[in-house]
Amino acid sequence: MSAAGTIGFVGLVAPHAARALVGRRHTRVLPVAVLLGAVLVCTADLLGRTVIAPAQLGAGLMTAVIGTPYFLYILVRNRR
């Protein structure tokens, strides 16, 4: 159910982060967004497995913890 959960949140954050890194050219934004999304999900999964080992936190929870501050920053920056 990654299409509608907190892991789907990566689909919102990754393109904005990629655009901030490489500009607005879609030929650059798309591959960078894919790589950033993959890195974000893998990092969230790694942190979720190691933060409170031997127990685990869900990748969706860690994705929200990592991605939400950046998403809020984007929203505040665009309002100014």
Protein backbone atom coordinates (compact mmCIF):
# COMPACT_ATOMS: atom_id res chain seq x y z
CA MET A 1 0.00 0.00 0.00
CA SER A 2 2.87 2.35 -0.72
CA ALA A 3 0.77 4.37 -3.17
CA ALA A 4 -1.34 6.03 -0.49
CA GLY A 5 0.66 5.83 2.75
CA THR A 6 3.50 7.73 4.27
CA ILE A 7 5.94 6.09 1.87
CA GLY A 8 3.90 7.69 -0.90
CA PHE A 9 4.87 10.95 0.77
CA VAL A 10 8.25 10.47 -0.92
CA GLY A 11 6.48 11.22 -4.20
CA LEU A 12 5.78 14.71 -2.87
CA VAL A 13 9.16 15.46 -1.33
CA ALA A 14 11.63 13.98 -3.83
CA PRO A 15 10.68 16.08 -6.89
CA HIS A 16 10.81 19.31 -4.90
CA ALA A 17 14.20 18.43 -3.44
CA ALA A 18 15.48 17.47 -6.89
CA ARG A 19 14.24 20.73 -8.39
CA ALA A 20 16.02 22.65 -5.63
CA LEU A 21 19.25 20.79 -6.41
CA VAL A 22 19.38 20.76 -10.21
CA GLY A 23 16.98 23.43 -11.46
CA ARG A 24 13.80 23.09 -13.49
CA ARG A 25 15.00 21.05 -16.49
CA HIS A 26 12.92 17.87 -16.50
CA THR A 27 15.70 15.84 -18.09
CA ARG A 28 17.71 16.42 -14.92
CA VAL A 29 14.91 16.57 -12.34
CA LEU A 30 13.41 13.16 -13.09
CA PRO A 31 16.51 10.98 -12.56
CA VAL A 32 17.59 13.00 -9.51
CA ALA A 33 14.09 12.73 -8.00
CA VAL A 34 14.13 8.96 -8.50
CA LEU A 35 17.53 8.67 -6.82
CA LEU A 36 16.57 10.98 -3.95
CA GLY A 37 13.36 9.06 -3.38
CA ALA A 38 15.23 5.76 -3.31
CA VAL A 39 17.85 7.16 -0.92
CA LEU A 40 15.13 8.58 1.34
CA VAL A 41 13.23 5.29 1.57
CA CYS A 42 16.42 3.24 2.08
CA THR A 43 17.67 5.65 4.75
CA ALA A 44 14.31 5.57 6.49
CA ASP A 45 14.30 1.77 6.43
CA LEU A 46 17.87 1.59 7.74
CA LEU A 47 17.14 4.03 10.55
CA GLY A 48 13.91 2.26 11.41
CA ARG A 49 15.75 -1.02 11.79
CA THR A 50 18.68 0.34 13.83
CA VAL A 51 17.35 3.16 16.03
CA ILE A 52 15.75 0.95 18.67
CA ALA A 53 17.31 -2.42 17.78
CA PRO A 54 16.33 -5.23 18.18
CA ALA A 55 12.81 -3.79 17.73
CA GLN A 56 11.92 -2.01 14.49
CA LEU A 57 10.11 1.16 13.50
CA GLY A 58 8.19 1.21 10.25
CA ALA A 59 9.77 2.68 7.14
CA GLY A 60 6.69 4.87 6.69
CA LEU A 61 7.10 6.42 10.12
CA MET A 62 10.77 7.13 9.56
CA THR A 63 10.03 8.53 6.09
CA ALA A 64 7.60 10.98 7.66
CA VAL A 65 10.11 11.92 10.38
CA ILE A 66 12.83 12.59 7.80
CA GLY A 67 10.71 14.17 5.04
CA THR A 68 8.23 16.31 6.97
CA PRO A 69 10.68 19.02 8.12
CA TYR A 70 11.88 19.53 4.54
CA PHE A 71 8.32 19.60 3.20
CA LEU A 72 7.31 22.19 5.81
CA TYR A 73 10.35 24.26 4.88
CA ILE A 74 9.24 24.25 1.24
CA LEU A 75 5.71 25.33 2.21
CA VAL A 76 6.96 28.20 4.39
CA ARG A 77 9.50 29.33 1.80
CA ASN A 78 6.86 29.47 -0.97
CA ARG A 79 4.52 31.62 1.14
CA ARG A 80 7.10 34.41 1.41
